[in-house]
Amino acid sequence: MNQLLFERSTGNLGPNGFARLQTTQLLRSFRPAPQFRFDGGERGTAVHDGEAGPPGAASSIWAHQSGVNALALERFDGRILVSGGSDASIKLWDLEQCGNPSKPHKFAPIAHIRRSEKAHRFGITHLSFYPFDSAAFLSTSYDKTLKLWSTEGTQLSASFTLGTKIYTHAISPIASHLLVACGTQHPAVRLVDLRSGSNVQSLAGHAGAVLATAWSPRHEHILATGSVDGTVKIWDIRRAGGVIGMLDHEDSLGLHYNGMLGQDGKVRVRASAKAHTAPVNGLTWTDDGGYIISAGHDRRIRVWDAANGKNTLASFGPSINNSQLTSVSMFTSPVGLTHPGKELLFWPNETEILVLDLHDGHIITKLRGTGPAIAGVRSGTGAERSVKNRITSIVWRGAGGGGGSSGVAMGGSNMSGAIYSAHLDGQIRTWAPQLEDEDNEDEDDGLDEVGEEKAKKRKALDDVFKSLMGKKITFS
C-alpha cells in the first residue's frame, strides 16, 4: 500500500490505476462476516450432527426457518434487501439498521408478507426490484403467479397468473417498455407488460422449460434465454420471428467469421446449435454488455462475446457444481473496478461461493462459512426436519447501491457493503471485503500483545537487577 501511495505521489501511477488496484485487492479479499445475522423472528433450535444446540445459540436464528429461496437488493442506495422463503413468505430488511458496522448486529425485518390467498401460496422462485425506482419489487412463485408489490407498506399492486410454474423472471435495467420476461415450465418465454397489465407476447422456440432469462444492459429490446434443451437464444422482441441468434459451444469464431451472417444481415444458425450439453439454468451479462455468461447442468460455465456470439473458450475447470432444476444467480464484478479483461465472476457453488477470473477461469478464492453446519431444525412444537446449506441466491451491494460500481467498500451511509447469500438452511449470510483498517487493528492488537510480553520480561530483569544490586557484597 505504501509503495502504491509513493508511486501515485510521484506521478508514476494515475488516480484511476491506483483506484483499480485497490478495488481489485478488495475484490479478492472477501471473507465471512458472521457478526451480521438476520433474525426473522421464528423460534426453534438448530440441530448439529443429531444434537440440538443450546436455546440461546446464534445458530438458532433464521431469516426464514423453512429455507431462503431468493434475494434481491435495490440498486439506488443499497439499503433495502428483500428475501423470499420456501414457505411463500417475503421479508424486507433495512441494511442500515446497523449503527456501528464494526460491532455485531442482528437485523430484524421491517416488513413481512405472509403466505395467504392474496399473497403467494407456494415457495418463492425469484425476486427483483423495479429498475427505476426502489418503491416497487416483483416476485414469482411455484403458485404460477407474478406479483408486483409496493415497497412502502408492502401492498400488492398487481398480480398476473400465467397458468404454469414460473422459475425466473427478468426486467430490463434500461428499457422504458416495462416488459417482464418470465421463464416457465412452458417452452415459450412469456412477456408481461406491467403498464397495460396483460400477457402481451410469447417467444416460441425452445423445446423445454425456460430456466434463465437476462436482458441486455445496452440494448433495451435484446433478451437472452436459456432452456432445459441446452440452448441459449438471443431475441429481439421487436421482430416477428424473435430469434436473432443462438449460442453454439462449438463456435469459437463468431458470426462475422464463420459465414453465418449473410449479406442481407440475417443470422444463419445451425439448427442443432447448443450452448451446453445439458439444461441451462444460469445467464447474466457483464455490466457493459460486452459478454454473456451461461451455466448449465453439464458443470460448465461459458463466456460469450456478445457482439458476435463466439465462445471465448474460458475454462473454469472441474470444480463447478450445478445440478438443481432452478435458476442460478451469479454476477460479475462491476465494470470499472478492475482493469479491462480482469473482471471477476461470483458463482454460488452449492455450499460455497467461488470467486473466479472471468476470462481464464481460474479460482481466485473460495468463500466458505464459519461454524458448524446445521443438519436440522427443531421447531417450538418439537417437530424436526433436515436441512441443507445449499446457496440459492447471491446479491451484490455496491457503493451507492446494489448495482453501483464506484467502489468495493460498498453500501450505504453507515457501513461497508457486502455480498449477501441465501441458504436452504434458513440463513442469510454476509461476506465483506477485508479493509485495511481491520488489518491495522489486528496488527495493533498483535503489537500490544508483544509490548506486554516485553514489559513483563523487562520487569523481571529489573527485579533481578535490583535484588542483586541491593545486596551488600563483601570480599574476604
Protein backbone atom coordinates (compact mmCIF):
# COMPACT_ATOMS: atom_id res chain seq x y z
CA MET A 1 0.00 0.00 0.00
CA ASN A 2 2.78 2.47 0.93
CA GLN A 3 4.56 1.69 -2.35
CA LEU A 4 1.37 2.42 -4.30
CA LEU A 5 0.91 5.72 -2.46
CA PHE A 6 4.51 6.63 -3.25
CA GLU A 7 4.06 5.82 -6.95
CA ARG A 8 0.88 7.85 -7.04
CA SER A 9 2.55 10.83 -5.36
CA THR A 10 5.42 10.73 -7.86
CA GLY A 11 3.05 10.53 -10.82
CA ASN A 12 4.09 7.04 -11.90
CA LEU A 13 0.58 5.78 -11.14
CA GLY A 14 -2.55 7.67 -12.15
CA PRO A 15 -5.59 8.04 -9.89
CA ASN A 16 -7.71 5.64 -11.97
CA GLY A 17 -4.99 2.99 -11.98
CA PHE A 18 -4.49 3.44 -8.25
CA ALA A 19 -8.23 3.05 -7.59
CA ARG A 20 -8.45 -0.07 -9.74
CA LEU A 21 -5.51 -1.69 -7.98
CA GLN A 22 -7.12 -1.02 -4.62
CA THR A 23 -10.57 -2.29 -5.62
CA THR A 24 -9.03 -5.37 -7.24
CA GLN A 25 -7.31 -6.20 -3.94
CA LEU A 26 -10.58 -5.70 -2.07
CA LEU A 27 -12.49 -7.88 -4.54
CA ARG A 28 -10.05 -10.68 -3.80
CA SER A 29 -10.29 -10.22 -0.02
CA PHE A 30 -13.92 -11.14 0.71
CA ARG A 31 -14.41 -13.25 3.82
CA PRO A 32 -17.31 -14.33 6.06
CA ALA A 33 -18.85 -11.66 8.28
CA PRO A 34 -20.69 -13.79 10.89
CA GLN A 35 -21.16 -10.77 13.16
CA PHE A 36 -24.14 -9.80 11.00
CA ARG A 37 -27.21 -12.02 11.48
CA PHE A 38 -30.74 -11.91 10.05
CA ASP A 39 -33.47 -12.84 12.53
CA GLY A 40 -36.90 -13.38 11.03
CA GLY A 41 -38.43 -13.94 14.46
CA GLU A 42 -39.20 -17.66 14.12
CA ARG A 43 -38.39 -19.84 17.10
CA GLY A 44 -36.73 -23.23 17.12
CA THR A 45 -33.43 -24.97 17.71
CA ALA A 46 -30.68 -25.82 15.25
CA VAL A 47 -29.51 -29.42 15.24
CA HIS A 48 -25.81 -30.17 14.68
CA ASP A 49 -24.98 -33.79 13.90
CA GLY A 50 -28.08 -35.02 15.70
CA GLU A 51 -27.59 -32.85 18.78
CA ALA A 52 -29.56 -29.70 19.46
CA GLY A 53 -27.66 -26.59 20.37
CA PRO A 54 -28.40 -24.52 23.48
CA PRO A 55 -31.64 -22.47 23.35
CA GLY A 56 -29.78 -19.19 23.03
CA ALA A 57 -27.35 -20.35 20.37
CA ALA A 58 -26.74 -17.96 17.48
CA SER A 59 -27.37 -20.82 15.07
CA SER A 60 -30.99 -20.88 16.28
CA ILE A 61 -31.64 -17.63 14.42
CA TRP A 62 -33.20 -17.84 10.96
CA ALA A 63 -34.19 -15.36 8.30
CA HIS A 64 -36.75 -17.92 7.02
CA GLN A 65 -36.81 -21.10 9.08
CA SER A 66 -38.19 -23.10 6.14
CA GLY A 67 -35.27 -22.02 3.91
CA VAL A 68 -34.42 -18.92 1.85
CA ASN A 69 -35.09 -19.31 -1.88
CA ALA A 70 -34.36 -15.86 -3.31
CA LEU A 71 -32.82 -12.44 -2.62
CA ALA A 72 -32.97 -9.04 -4.30
CA LEU A 73 -31.29 -5.74 -3.41
CA GLU A 74 -32.43 -2.35 -4.62
CA ARG A 75 -29.88 -0.54 -6.79
CA PHE A 76 -30.24 3.06 -5.66
CA ASP A 77 -28.67 3.23 -2.22
CA GLY A 78 -28.30 -0.47 -1.45
CA ARG A 79 -30.44 -0.15 1.63
CA ILE A 80 -33.44 -2.49 1.21
CA LEU A 81 -32.91 -6.24 0.90
CA VAL A 82 -35.90 -8.46 0.11
CA SER A 83 -35.90 -12.21 0.75
CA GLY A 84 -38.30 -14.97 -0.25
CA GLY A 85 -38.79 -18.23 1.60
CA SER A 86 -39.74 -21.79 0.80
CA ASP A 87 -42.87 -21.17 2.88
CA ALA A 88 -44.09 -18.47 0.41
CA SER A 89 -43.28 -15.62 2.81
CA ILE A 90 -41.44 -12.43 1.80
CA LYS A 91 -39.45 -10.24 4.20
CA LEU A 92 -37.87 -6.82 3.80
CA TRP A 93 -34.68 -5.83 5.63
CA ASP A 94 -33.13 -2.41 6.19
CA LEU A 95 -29.37 -2.87 5.86
CA GLU A 96 -28.76 0.49 7.54
CA GLN A 97 -30.27 -0.67 10.82
CA CYS A 98 -26.71 -1.33 11.89
CA GLY A 99 -25.50 1.78 13.69
CA ASN A 100 -21.87 0.68 14.06
CA PRO A 101 -20.58 -1.66 11.32
CA SER A 102 -17.58 -2.64 13.41
CA LYS A 103 -19.81 -4.32 16.01
CA PRO A 104 -22.07 -7.39 15.75
CA HIS A 105 -25.63 -6.67 14.68
CA LYS A 106 -28.82 -8.69 14.37
CA PHE A 107 -31.14 -7.44 11.63
CA ALA A 108 -34.90 -7.67 12.07
CA PRO A 109 -37.35 -7.48 9.15
CA ILE A 110 -39.05 -4.13 8.61
CA ALA A 111 -41.95 -5.82 6.79
CA HIS A 112 -43.29 -9.36 6.46
CA ILE A 113 -45.65 -10.67 3.76
CA ARG A 114 -47.05 -13.95 5.00
CA ARG A 115 -48.41 -16.83 2.98
CA SER A 116 -52.04 -16.19 2.03
CA GLU A 117 -54.51 -16.44 -0.83
CA LYS A 118 -53.83 -12.81 -1.72
CA ALA A 119 -50.07 -13.20 -1.49
CA HIS A 120 -48.16 -16.29 -2.63
CA ARG A 121 -49.25 -19.80 -1.68
CA PHE A 122 -46.11 -21.77 -2.59
CA GLY A 123 -42.36 -21.19 -2.40
CA ILE A 124 -40.83 -18.04 -3.89
CA THR A 125 -38.72 -18.67 -7.02
CA HIS A 126 -37.34 -15.23 -7.89
CA LEU A 127 -37.32 -11.61 -6.68
CA SER A 128 -36.30 -8.35 -8.34
CA PHE A 129 -36.67 -4.63 -7.74
CA TYR A 130 -38.25 -2.23 -10.20
CA PRO A 131 -35.26 -0.93 -12.20
CA PHE A 132 -36.00 2.79 -12.00
CA ASP A 133 -37.48 3.12 -8.53
CA SER A 134 -36.91 1.18 -5.32
CA ALA A 135 -40.55 1.78 -4.35
CA ALA A 136 -41.68 -1.44 -6.07
CA PHE A 137 -40.48 -5.01 -6.42
CA LEU A 138 -41.53 -8.19 -8.27
CA SER A 139 -41.93 -11.75 -7.06
CA THR A 140 -42.66 -15.08 -8.74
CA SER A 141 -43.63 -18.36 -7.16
CA TYR A 142 -44.36 -22.01 -7.77
CA ASP A 143 -48.03 -20.99 -7.47
CA LYS A 144 -47.81 -19.82 -11.14
CA THR A 145 -48.16 -16.10 -10.39
CA LEU A 146 -46.09 -12.95 -10.93
CA LYS A 147 -46.82 -10.21 -8.42
CA LEU A 148 -45.91 -6.52 -8.22
CA TRP A 149 -45.57 -5.06 -4.72
CA SER A 150 -45.22 -1.60 -3.26
CA THR A 151 -42.12 -1.48 -1.06
CA GLU A 152 -43.68 1.11 1.23
CA GLY A 153 -46.33 -0.73 3.18
CA THR A 154 -45.78 -3.95 1.19
CA GLN A 155 -49.10 -3.54 -0.60
CA LEU A 156 -49.95 -5.74 -3.60
CA SER A 157 -50.15 -3.56 -6.72
CA ALA A 158 -50.81 -6.18 -9.40
CA SER A 159 -50.96 -9.94 -9.88
CA PHE A 160 -50.58 -11.97 -13.08
CA THR A 161 -51.50 -15.64 -13.37
CA LEU A 162 -49.50 -17.39 -16.10
CA GLY A 163 -51.02 -20.84 -15.68
CA THR A 164 -47.67 -22.62 -15.46
CA LYS A 165 -44.87 -22.93 -12.91
CA ILE A 166 -42.59 -19.85 -13.04
CA TYR A 167 -38.88 -20.48 -12.46
CA THR A 168 -37.49 -16.99 -13.00
CA HIS A 169 -38.22 -13.53 -14.35
CA ALA A 170 -36.25 -10.50 -15.53
CA ILE A 171 -36.99 -6.85 -16.20
CA SER A 172 -34.67 -4.69 -18.30
CA PRO A 173 -32.45 -2.31 -16.31
CA ILE A 174 -32.58 0.33 -19.07
CA ALA A 175 -35.81 -0.11 -21.03
CA SER A 176 -38.91 2.05 -20.99
CA HIS A 177 -41.20 -0.74 -22.22
CA LEU A 178 -41.71 -2.32 -18.73
CA LEU A 179 -41.84 -5.87 -20.06
CA VAL A 180 -41.11 -8.70 -17.63
CA ALA A 181 -39.66 -11.82 -19.27
CA CYS A 182 -40.81 -14.94 -17.42
CA GLY A 183 -39.12 -18.32 -17.71
CA THR A 184 -41.68 -21.02 -17.01
CA GLN A 185 -42.33 -24.73 -17.28
CA HIS A 186 -43.77 -23.98 -20.72
CA PRO A 187 -41.23 -23.76 -23.61
CA ALA A 188 -42.42 -20.30 -24.64
CA VAL A 189 -40.97 -17.25 -22.89
CA ARG A 190 -43.82 -15.11 -21.56
CA LEU A 191 -43.62 -11.31 -21.70
CA VAL A 192 -45.85 -9.48 -19.22
CA ASP A 193 -46.46 -5.74 -19.70
CA LEU A 194 -46.61 -4.01 -16.32
CA ARG A 195 -48.00 -0.87 -17.91
CA SER A 196 -51.03 -2.47 -19.57
CA GLY A 197 -51.32 -5.35 -17.12
CA SER A 198 -51.50 -8.03 -19.78
CA ASN A 199 -49.54 -11.01 -21.08
CA VAL A 200 -48.72 -9.37 -24.40
CA GLN A 201 -46.34 -11.74 -26.13
CA SER A 202 -44.90 -15.25 -26.15
CA LEU A 203 -41.48 -16.07 -27.60
CA ALA A 204 -41.66 -19.59 -29.01
CA GLY A 205 -38.55 -21.53 -29.93
CA HIS A 206 -37.27 -23.55 -27.00
CA ALA A 207 -38.07 -27.25 -26.73
CA GLY A 208 -38.38 -27.38 -22.95
CA ALA A 209 -38.83 -25.36 -19.77
CA VAL A 210 -37.05 -21.99 -19.61
CA LEU A 211 -34.85 -21.68 -16.51
CA ALA A 212 -32.89 -18.47 -17.23
CA THR A 213 -33.70 -15.01 -18.61
CA ALA A 214 -31.47 -11.92 -18.84
CA TRP A 215 -31.93 -8.58 -20.64
CA SER A 216 -29.04 -6.80 -22.32
CA PRO A 217 -27.79 -3.82 -20.27
CA ARG A 218 -27.05 -1.93 -23.52
CA HIS A 219 -29.91 -2.69 -25.90
CA GLU A 220 -33.36 -2.47 -24.38
CA HIS A 221 -35.05 -4.89 -26.79
CA ILE A 222 -32.44 -7.68 -26.62
CA LEU A 223 -33.16 -10.66 -24.38
CA ALA A 224 -31.20 -13.87 -23.70
CA THR A 225 -32.95 -17.03 -22.52
CA GLY A 226 -31.73 -20.50 -21.50
CA SER A 227 -33.67 -23.74 -21.51
CA VAL A 228 -33.52 -27.35 -20.36
CA ASP A 229 -32.93 -28.24 -24.03
CA GLY A 230 -29.38 -26.87 -23.67
CA THR A 231 -29.94 -23.87 -25.93
CA VAL A 232 -29.38 -20.17 -25.30
CA LYS A 233 -31.37 -17.96 -27.66
CA ILE A 234 -30.94 -14.24 -28.28
CA TRP A 235 -34.17 -12.42 -29.07
CA ASP A 236 -35.09 -9.02 -30.47
CA ILE A 237 -38.59 -8.64 -29.10
CA ARG A 238 -39.49 -6.08 -31.81
CA ARG A 239 -39.15 -8.68 -34.57
CA ALA A 240 -41.92 -11.02 -35.61
CA GLY A 241 -39.58 -14.03 -35.74
CA GLY A 242 -37.94 -13.03 -32.49
CA VAL A 243 -34.74 -15.09 -32.52
CA ILE A 244 -31.70 -13.28 -33.89
CA GLY A 245 -29.07 -15.75 -32.71
CA MET A 246 -28.22 -18.94 -30.82
CA LEU A 247 -25.08 -19.55 -28.82
CA ASP A 248 -23.08 -22.54 -30.05
CA HIS A 249 -20.37 -24.05 -27.83
CA GLU A 250 -18.62 -25.34 -30.96
CA ASP A 251 -18.32 -21.83 -32.43
CA SER A 252 -15.15 -20.05 -31.32
CA LEU A 253 -15.03 -17.68 -34.32
CA GLY A 254 -18.29 -15.77 -34.21
CA LEU A 255 -20.94 -14.82 -36.75
CA HIS A 256 -18.79 -12.48 -38.80
CA TYR A 257 -16.04 -15.04 -39.39
CA ASN A 258 -17.80 -18.34 -39.96
CA GLY A 259 -20.09 -17.34 -42.79
CA MET A 260 -23.25 -17.39 -40.68
CA LEU A 261 -24.05 -13.71 -41.24
CA GLY A 262 -25.45 -13.30 -44.75
CA GLN A 263 -25.17 -10.27 -46.99
CA ASP A 264 -28.74 -9.40 -46.08
CA GLY A 265 -27.67 -9.13 -42.45
CA LYS A 266 -29.75 -12.09 -41.33
CA VAL A 267 -28.24 -14.63 -38.99
CA ARG A 268 -28.00 -18.22 -40.15
CA VAL A 269 -27.52 -20.63 -37.26
CA ARG A 270 -27.14 -24.36 -37.04
CA ALA A 271 -30.42 -25.99 -36.11
CA SER A 272 -28.51 -28.21 -33.69
CA ALA A 273 -26.56 -25.36 -32.08
CA LYS A 274 -26.38 -25.70 -28.30
CA ALA A 275 -24.68 -23.63 -25.65
CA HIS A 276 -24.50 -26.59 -23.25
CA THR A 277 -24.95 -30.34 -23.46
CA ALA A 278 -27.40 -30.26 -20.54
CA PRO A 279 -30.08 -27.87 -19.17
CA VAL A 280 -29.08 -24.20 -19.00
CA ASN A 281 -30.11 -22.60 -15.70
CA GLY A 282 -27.86 -19.54 -15.40
CA LEU A 283 -27.47 -16.41 -17.55
CA THR A 284 -26.04 -12.96 -16.91
CA TRP A 285 -24.38 -10.12 -18.83
CA THR A 286 -21.39 -8.04 -17.82
CA ASP A 287 -22.39 -4.50 -16.85
CA ASP A 288 -21.13 -3.07 -20.14
CA GLY A 289 -22.98 -5.67 -22.20
CA GLY A 290 -19.75 -6.95 -23.72
CA TYR A 291 -20.08 -10.56 -22.59
CA ILE A 292 -22.79 -13.11 -21.82
CA ILE A 293 -22.10 -15.76 -19.18
CA SER A 294 -24.07 -19.02 -19.22
CA ALA A 295 -24.11 -22.02 -16.86
CA GLY A 296 -25.56 -25.49 -17.27
CA HIS A 297 -26.02 -28.89 -15.68
CA ASP A 298 -23.02 -30.10 -17.70
CA ARG A 299 -20.98 -28.36 -14.96
CA ARG A 300 -19.69 -25.82 -17.44
CA ILE A 301 -19.63 -22.05 -17.29
CA ARG A 302 -19.13 -20.42 -20.68
CA VAL A 303 -18.28 -16.84 -21.58
CA TRP A 304 -19.55 -15.49 -24.91
CA ASP A 305 -18.63 -12.39 -26.88
CA ALA A 306 -21.96 -10.56 -27.05
CA ALA A 307 -21.00 -8.74 -30.26
CA ASN A 308 -20.70 -11.86 -32.41
CA GLY A 309 -21.72 -14.80 -30.22
CA LYS A 310 -18.38 -16.58 -30.21
CA ASN A 311 -17.35 -18.89 -27.39
CA THR A 312 -14.29 -17.34 -25.74
CA LEU A 313 -13.22 -20.82 -24.56
CA ALA A 314 -12.71 -19.72 -20.95
CA SER A 315 -12.20 -22.89 -18.90
CA PHE A 316 -13.43 -22.96 -15.30
CA GLY A 317 -12.22 -26.48 -14.52
CA PRO A 318 -13.89 -29.38 -12.73
CA SER A 319 -14.80 -27.54 -9.51
CA ILE A 320 -18.14 -26.23 -10.79
CA ASN A 321 -21.21 -27.81 -9.18
CA ASN A 322 -24.62 -27.22 -10.76
CA SER A 323 -27.45 -29.75 -10.72
CA GLN A 324 -30.61 -28.05 -9.42
CA LEU A 325 -33.66 -27.52 -11.63
CA THR A 326 -33.82 -23.87 -10.59
CA SER A 327 -32.47 -20.60 -11.88
CA VAL A 328 -28.92 -19.89 -10.65
CA SER A 329 -27.94 -16.36 -9.65
CA MET A 330 -24.39 -15.28 -10.47
CA PHE A 331 -22.84 -11.90 -11.17
CA THR A 332 -19.65 -10.28 -12.40
CA SER A 333 -17.67 -7.53 -10.71
CA PRO A 334 -18.89 -4.12 -11.90
CA VAL A 335 -17.00 -2.75 -14.87
CA GLY A 336 -14.52 -0.10 -13.77
CA LEU A 337 -13.47 -1.78 -10.53
CA THR A 338 -10.80 -3.83 -12.29
CA HIS A 339 -8.60 -3.33 -15.32
CA PRO A 340 -10.22 -4.36 -18.63
CA GLY A 341 -10.02 -8.11 -19.10
CA LYS A 342 -9.57 -8.72 -15.36
CA GLU A 343 -13.23 -8.93 -14.32
CA LEU A 344 -14.27 -11.49 -11.71
CA LEU A 345 -17.22 -13.88 -11.63
CA PHE A 346 -19.00 -14.73 -8.36
CA TRP A 347 -20.57 -18.19 -8.57
CA PRO A 348 -22.73 -19.96 -5.91
CA ASN A 349 -21.11 -23.40 -5.83
CA GLU A 350 -23.52 -25.41 -3.68
CA THR A 351 -22.27 -24.58 -0.14
CA GLU A 352 -19.54 -22.09 -1.08
CA ILE A 353 -19.06 -19.04 -3.30
CA LEU A 354 -16.32 -19.26 -5.89
CA VAL A 355 -14.59 -16.06 -6.97
CA LEU A 356 -13.29 -16.77 -10.47
CA ASP A 357 -11.33 -14.93 -13.13
CA LEU A 358 -13.94 -14.30 -15.80
CA HIS A 359 -11.63 -14.70 -18.78
CA ASP A 360 -9.30 -17.56 -17.90
CA GLY A 361 -11.50 -19.34 -15.37
CA HIS A 362 -9.02 -19.92 -12.55
CA ILE A 363 -10.23 -19.77 -8.96
CA ILE A 364 -9.22 -16.61 -7.09
CA THR A 365 -10.70 -17.66 -3.76
CA LYS A 366 -13.37 -19.84 -2.17
CA LEU A 367 -15.77 -18.26 0.31
CA ARG A 368 -16.89 -20.74 2.93
CA GLY A 369 -18.98 -20.15 6.02
CA THR A 370 -17.74 -20.45 9.57
CA GLY A 371 -19.11 -22.55 12.42
CA PRO A 372 -20.74 -26.00 12.43
CA ALA A 373 -23.12 -26.92 9.63
CA ILE A 374 -26.81 -27.07 10.53
CA ALA A 375 -28.13 -30.58 9.91
CA GLY A 376 -31.71 -29.97 11.00
CA VAL A 377 -34.24 -27.63 12.58
CA ARG A 378 -36.34 -28.48 15.63
CA SER A 379 -39.37 -26.21 15.84
CA GLY A 380 -41.04 -24.98 19.01
CA THR A 381 -43.60 -27.79 18.72
CA GLY A 382 -40.87 -30.43 18.73
CA ALA A 383 -41.15 -31.30 15.02
CA GLU A 384 -37.79 -31.81 13.36
CA ARG A 385 -36.74 -31.66 9.72
CA SER A 386 -33.41 -32.00 7.96
CA VAL A 387 -31.95 -29.04 6.05
CA LYS A 388 -29.18 -28.37 3.56
CA ASN A 389 -26.77 -25.48 3.47
CA ARG A 390 -27.00 -25.04 -0.32
CA ILE A 391 -26.78 -21.46 -1.57
CA THR A 392 -29.87 -20.48 -3.55
CA SER A 393 -29.13 -16.83 -4.38
CA ILE A 394 -26.40 -14.19 -4.08
CA VAL A 395 -26.60 -10.41 -4.46
CA TRP A 396 -24.02 -7.64 -4.67
CA ARG A 397 -24.15 -4.46 -2.62
CA GLY A 398 -22.10 -1.84 -4.42
CA ALA A 399 -21.02 1.63 -3.39
CA GLY A 400 -24.02 3.88 -3.74
CA GLY A 401 -26.39 0.98 -4.33
CA GLY A 402 -26.83 -2.64 -5.30
CA GLY A 403 -25.62 -2.07 -8.85
CA GLY A 404 -23.17 0.75 -8.17
CA SER A 405 -19.66 0.42 -9.49
CA SER A 406 -17.83 3.18 -7.67
CA GLY A 407 -16.13 1.00 -5.13
CA VAL A 408 -15.89 -2.19 -3.14
CA ALA A 409 -16.05 -0.53 0.28
CA MET A 410 -19.69 -0.70 -0.52
CA GLY A 411 -23.09 0.24 0.63
CA GLY A 412 -24.98 2.95 2.41
CA SER A 413 -24.13 5.82 4.68
CA ASN A 414 -23.04 3.97 7.80
CA MET A 415 -21.44 0.64 6.88
CA SER A 416 -19.27 -1.03 4.32
CA GLY A 417 -21.21 -3.22 1.96
CA ALA A 418 -21.04 -6.89 1.17
CA ILE A 419 -22.23 -9.90 -0.74
CA TYR A 420 -25.36 -11.46 0.71
CA SER A 421 -26.21 -15.12 0.17
CA ALA A 422 -29.46 -17.04 0.72
CA HIS A 423 -29.30 -20.60 2.05
CA LEU A 424 -31.70 -23.51 2.28
CA ASP A 425 -30.83 -23.88 5.97
CA GLY A 426 -32.80 -20.67 6.55
CA GLN A 427 -29.86 -18.27 6.88
CA ILE A 428 -28.90 -15.09 5.05
CA ARG A 429 -25.12 -14.80 5.32
CA THR A 430 -22.88 -11.80 4.83
CA TRP A 431 -19.48 -11.67 3.10
CA ALA A 432 -17.44 -8.48 3.39
CA PRO A 433 -14.14 -7.22 1.97
CA GLN A 434 -11.19 -7.11 4.34
CA LEU A 435 -10.50 -3.41 4.72
CA GLU A 436 -7.02 -2.15 5.57
CA ASP A 437 -8.23 -0.55 8.79
CA GLU A 438 -9.19 -4.01 10.01
CA ASP A 439 -5.71 -5.25 9.18
CA ASN A 440 -4.21 -2.35 11.12
CA GLU A 441 -6.44 -3.13 14.10
CA ASP A 442 -5.26 -6.74 14.03
CA GLU A 443 -1.66 -5.57 13.77
CA ASP A 444 -2.15 -3.12 16.63
CA ASP A 445 -3.60 -5.89 18.78
CA GLY A 446 -0.59 -8.04 17.94
CA LEU A 447 1.81 -5.21 18.75
CA ASP A 448 0.07 -4.61 22.07
CA GLU A 449 0.50 -8.27 22.99
CA VAL A 450 4.18 -8.18 22.01
CA GLY A 451 4.65 -4.99 24.02
CA GLU A 452 3.04 -6.50 27.09
CA GLU A 453 5.29 -9.56 26.84
CA LYS A 454 8.38 -7.37 26.52
CA ALA A 455 7.27 -5.29 29.51
CA LYS A 456 6.90 -8.44 31.62
CA LYS A 457 10.40 -9.60 30.68
CA ARG A 458 11.86 -6.15 31.33
CA LYS A 459 10.22 -6.01 34.75
CA ALA A 460 11.57 -9.46 35.62
CA LEU A 461 15.11 -8.40 34.63
CA ASP A 462 14.75 -5.16 36.58
CA ASP A 463 13.67 -7.11 39.66
CA VAL A 464 16.66 -9.41 39.34
CA PHE A 465 18.99 -6.46 38.81
CA LYS A 466 17.60 -4.60 41.83
CA SER A 467 17.77 -7.67 44.04
CA LEU A 468 21.40 -8.18 43.10
CA MET A 469 22.39 -4.54 43.40
CA GLY A 470 20.51 -4.15 46.65
CA LYS A 471 22.62 -6.77 48.41
CA LYS A 472 25.83 -5.83 50.14
CA ILE A 473 28.74 -7.78 48.71
CA THR A 474 31.81 -8.37 50.93
CA PHE A 475 35.20 -9.69 49.95
CA SER A 476 37.35 -11.72 52.29
